[in-house]
Amino acid sequence: MARPDAELITLSQQGDQQAFAELVGRYQKTVYTMAVRLLGDREEGRDVAQEAFLRVYKSLPSFRKDADFLPWLYTITANIARDHWRRWKREKEAVSVPFDDTAMAPEDLSSPESVLETKDIKKVVEEAVASLPWEYRMPIALRHIQDLSYKEIAEMMKLPLNTVKTRIRRGRLMLREILDPLLEQRSDKE
């Protein structure tokens, strides 16, 4: 029977490596998936997930027992992903050479036939999300991929609730602009 998070956290705070390994095993896939969706790159997602668990381990002594672990873990992961994204952006601007990550820029989605011939719809959606500006990508990913409430996202991002709602609405509109031509093309073929 799986031990509750609270027990594993307490044991981890007392230095129990096995308890921490169990926590990592429980949330490793979730953290990795979140990082990949936020960054659009599996390699960077792996790095972010490792760094997130390292930061969790170092921060466990100060973790409040009355706090929820998962939102805390999401916050750490999202902050590290944001830092990686900013670093990417700076490197891209410094080199001034087109940066080729696995995410497609919106202009790359202009040919629906070629996109849908080579990629399945799930991959196209993931790339569309990854092409959004960070301020829209993060709340969209937290809401629709991690299934967090607007309130949880607002607390995590330290933003007013209405700002989160606005960013999610605008992010959805951007996604619709990117995906509608692709989906229309796909339905015309069927």
Protein backbone atom coordinates (compact mmCIF):
# COMPACT_ATOMS: atom_id res chain seq x y z
CA MET A 1 0.00 0.00 0.00
CA ALA A 2 1.34 3.40 -0.98
CA ARG A 3 2.26 5.72 1.85
CA PRO A 4 0.67 9.20 1.87
CA ASP A 5 2.71 12.17 0.68
CA ALA A 6 2.72 13.74 4.16
CA GLU A 7 4.38 10.66 5.64
CA LEU A 8 6.96 10.51 2.85
CA ILE A 9 7.72 14.21 3.25
CA THR A 10 8.19 13.89 7.02
CA LEU A 11 10.48 10.89 6.56
CA SER A 12 12.40 12.70 3.81
CA GLN A 13 12.84 15.72 6.06
CA GLN A 14 14.37 13.36 8.62
CA GLY A 15 16.88 12.14 6.03
CA ASP A 16 15.16 8.97 4.78
CA GLN A 17 16.52 8.59 1.23
CA GLN A 18 14.11 5.76 0.41
CA ALA A 19 11.10 7.94 1.27
CA PHE A 20 12.39 10.70 -1.01
CA ALA A 21 13.02 8.17 -3.78
CA GLU A 22 9.39 7.06 -3.41
CA LEU A 23 8.22 10.69 -3.74
CA VAL A 24 10.35 11.14 -6.86
CA GLY A 25 9.00 7.90 -8.33
CA ARG A 26 5.44 9.01 -7.65
CA TYR A 27 5.75 12.41 -9.36
CA GLN A 28 8.61 11.97 -11.83
CA LYS A 29 6.41 11.43 -14.88
CA THR A 30 4.10 14.32 -13.94
CA VAL A 31 6.98 16.76 -13.50
CA TYR A 32 8.69 15.63 -16.71
CA THR A 33 5.46 15.89 -18.71
CA MET A 34 4.78 19.36 -17.36
CA ALA A 35 8.31 20.52 -18.19
CA VAL A 36 8.17 19.11 -21.73
CA ARG A 37 4.80 20.75 -22.35
CA LEU A 38 6.03 24.09 -21.06
CA LEU A 39 9.27 24.02 -23.05
CA GLY A 40 8.38 21.90 -26.07
CA ASP A 41 11.64 19.96 -25.81
CA ARG A 42 12.17 16.53 -24.24
CA GLU A 43 15.86 17.04 -23.46
CA GLU A 44 15.21 20.34 -21.69
CA GLY A 45 12.20 18.75 -19.97
CA ARG A 46 14.45 16.04 -18.56
CA ASP A 47 16.91 18.65 -17.30
CA VAL A 48 14.13 20.69 -15.70
CA ALA A 49 12.65 17.61 -14.00
CA GLN A 50 16.03 16.67 -12.52
CA GLU A 51 16.66 20.20 -11.36
CA ALA A 52 13.16 20.41 -9.85
CA PHE A 53 13.65 17.31 -7.72
CA LEU A 54 17.09 18.50 -6.68
CA ARG A 55 15.58 21.81 -5.56
CA VAL A 56 12.75 19.98 -3.78
CA TYR A 57 15.30 17.87 -1.92
CA LYS A 58 17.28 20.93 -0.85
CA SER A 59 14.11 22.82 0.14
CA LEU A 60 12.37 19.99 2.02
CA PRO A 61 13.64 21.12 5.44
CA SER A 62 11.73 24.40 5.01
CA PHE A 63 8.57 22.80 3.55
CA ARG A 64 5.56 23.59 5.75
CA LYS A 65 3.70 20.48 6.88
CA ASP A 66 0.34 22.25 6.44
CA ALA A 67 1.07 23.04 2.76
CA ASP A 68 0.05 20.85 -0.18
CA PHE A 69 3.02 19.13 -1.77
CA LEU A 70 1.83 18.93 -5.38
CA PRO A 71 1.18 22.66 -5.95
CA TRP A 72 4.56 23.37 -4.33
CA LEU A 73 6.22 20.88 -6.69
CA TYR A 74 4.39 22.41 -9.69
CA THR A 75 5.56 25.89 -8.66
CA ILE A 76 9.17 24.77 -8.42
CA THR A 77 8.94 23.00 -11.79
CA ALA A 78 7.26 25.95 -13.49
CA ASN A 79 9.81 28.41 -12.12
CA ILE A 80 12.74 26.30 -13.29
CA ALA A 81 11.10 25.81 -16.71
CA ARG A 82 10.59 29.58 -16.98
CA ASP A 83 14.27 30.17 -16.16
CA HIS A 84 15.33 27.62 -18.81
CA TRP A 85 13.01 29.24 -21.35
CA ARG A 86 14.43 32.70 -20.61
CA ARG A 87 17.98 31.34 -20.99
CA TRP A 88 16.99 29.78 -24.33
CA LYS A 89 15.52 33.05 -25.47
CA ARG A 90 18.68 35.01 -24.51
CA GLU A 91 20.93 32.48 -26.24
CA LYS A 92 18.75 32.58 -29.33
CA GLU A 93 18.90 36.38 -29.48
CA ALA A 94 22.65 36.46 -28.79
CA VAL A 95 23.46 34.05 -31.60
CA SER A 96 20.88 35.59 -33.95
CA VAL A 97 20.57 32.30 -35.81
CA PRO A 98 17.16 30.63 -36.12
CA PHE A 99 16.74 28.47 -33.03
CA ASP A 100 15.52 24.99 -33.78
CA ASP A 101 13.72 23.46 -30.85
CA THR A 102 10.97 20.92 -31.37
CA ALA A 103 8.30 23.60 -31.08
CA MET A 104 6.93 25.08 -34.26
CA ALA A 105 6.59 28.82 -34.55
CA PRO A 106 3.13 30.00 -35.61
CA GLU A 107 4.42 30.87 -39.09
CA ASP A 108 5.63 27.27 -39.47
CA LEU A 109 2.03 26.13 -39.19
CA SER A 110 0.99 27.93 -42.38
CA SER A 111 0.86 24.81 -44.54
CA PRO A 112 -1.82 22.55 -43.04
CA GLU A 113 -1.29 19.76 -45.54
CA SER A 114 2.42 19.38 -44.85
CA VAL A 115 1.99 19.63 -41.08
CA LEU A 116 -0.75 17.02 -40.84
CA GLU A 117 0.96 14.67 -43.27
CA THR A 118 4.01 14.40 -41.03
CA LYS A 119 2.58 14.75 -37.53
CA ASP A 120 -0.32 13.42 -35.58
CA ILE A 121 -2.82 15.85 -34.08
CA LYS A 122 -1.53 15.45 -30.51
CA LYS A 123 1.97 16.46 -31.56
CA VAL A 124 0.61 19.44 -33.50
CA VAL A 125 -1.32 20.62 -30.43
CA GLU A 126 1.75 20.20 -28.21
CA GLU A 127 3.83 22.24 -30.64
CA ALA A 128 1.15 24.91 -30.86
CA VAL A 129 1.12 25.22 -27.05
CA ALA A 130 4.93 25.36 -27.02
CA SER A 131 4.84 28.19 -29.58
CA LEU A 132 2.77 30.44 -27.29
CA PRO A 133 4.51 33.26 -25.42
CA TRP A 134 5.45 32.15 -21.88
CA GLU A 135 2.85 34.29 -20.11
CA TYR A 136 0.09 32.36 -21.95
CA ARG A 137 1.80 28.99 -22.27
CA MET A 138 2.29 28.46 -18.54
CA PRO A 139 -1.31 29.09 -17.40
CA ILE A 140 -2.66 27.06 -20.36
CA ALA A 141 -0.40 24.12 -19.47
CA LEU A 142 -1.23 24.32 -15.77
CA ARG A 143 -4.96 24.48 -16.46
CA HIS A 144 -5.36 21.95 -19.25
CA ILE A 145 -2.42 19.61 -18.79
CA GLN A 146 -1.96 19.64 -15.02
CA ASP A 147 -5.69 20.24 -14.38
CA LEU A 148 -5.16 22.96 -11.77
CA SER A 149 -7.92 25.39 -10.84
CA TYR A 150 -7.73 29.07 -11.75
CA LYS A 151 -7.20 29.86 -8.07
CA GLU A 152 -4.31 27.39 -7.76
CA ILE A 153 -2.69 28.84 -10.89
CA ALA A 154 -3.08 32.39 -9.55
CA GLU A 155 -1.45 31.42 -6.26
CA MET A 156 1.33 29.52 -8.00
CA MET A 157 2.11 32.32 -10.45
CA LYS A 158 1.53 35.04 -7.83
CA LEU A 159 -0.96 36.80 -10.10
CA PRO A 160 -4.47 38.14 -9.56
CA LEU A 161 -7.19 35.61 -10.41
CA ASN A 162 -8.60 37.79 -13.22
CA THR A 163 -5.16 38.06 -14.83
CA VAL A 164 -4.91 34.26 -14.92
CA LYS A 165 -8.38 33.98 -16.46
CA THR A 166 -7.49 36.60 -19.07
CA ARG A 167 -4.22 34.90 -19.98
CA ILE A 168 -5.93 31.53 -20.35
CA ARG A 169 -8.66 33.07 -22.53
CA ARG A 170 -6.11 34.88 -24.72
CA GLY A 171 -3.93 31.77 -24.90
CA ARG A 172 -6.92 29.73 -26.07
CA LEU A 173 -7.64 32.33 -28.75
CA MET A 174 -4.04 32.15 -29.95
CA LEU A 175 -4.24 28.36 -30.04
CA ARG A 176 -7.46 28.56 -32.01
CA GLU A 177 -5.79 30.84 -34.58
CA ILE A 178 -2.96 28.33 -34.96
CA LEU A 179 -5.02 25.14 -34.90
CA ASP A 180 -8.26 26.00 -36.71
CA PRO A 181 -6.73 25.95 -40.22
CA LEU A 182 -5.06 22.63 -39.45
CA LEU A 183 -8.20 21.03 -38.05
CA GLU A 184 -10.35 22.30 -40.93
CA GLN A 185 -7.88 20.84 -43.41
CA ARG A 186 -7.93 17.52 -41.56
CA SER A 187 -11.74 17.32 -41.54
CA ASP A 188 -11.86 18.17 -45.26
CA LYS A 189 -9.63 15.15 -46.00
CA GLU A 190 -11.84 12.74 -44.03
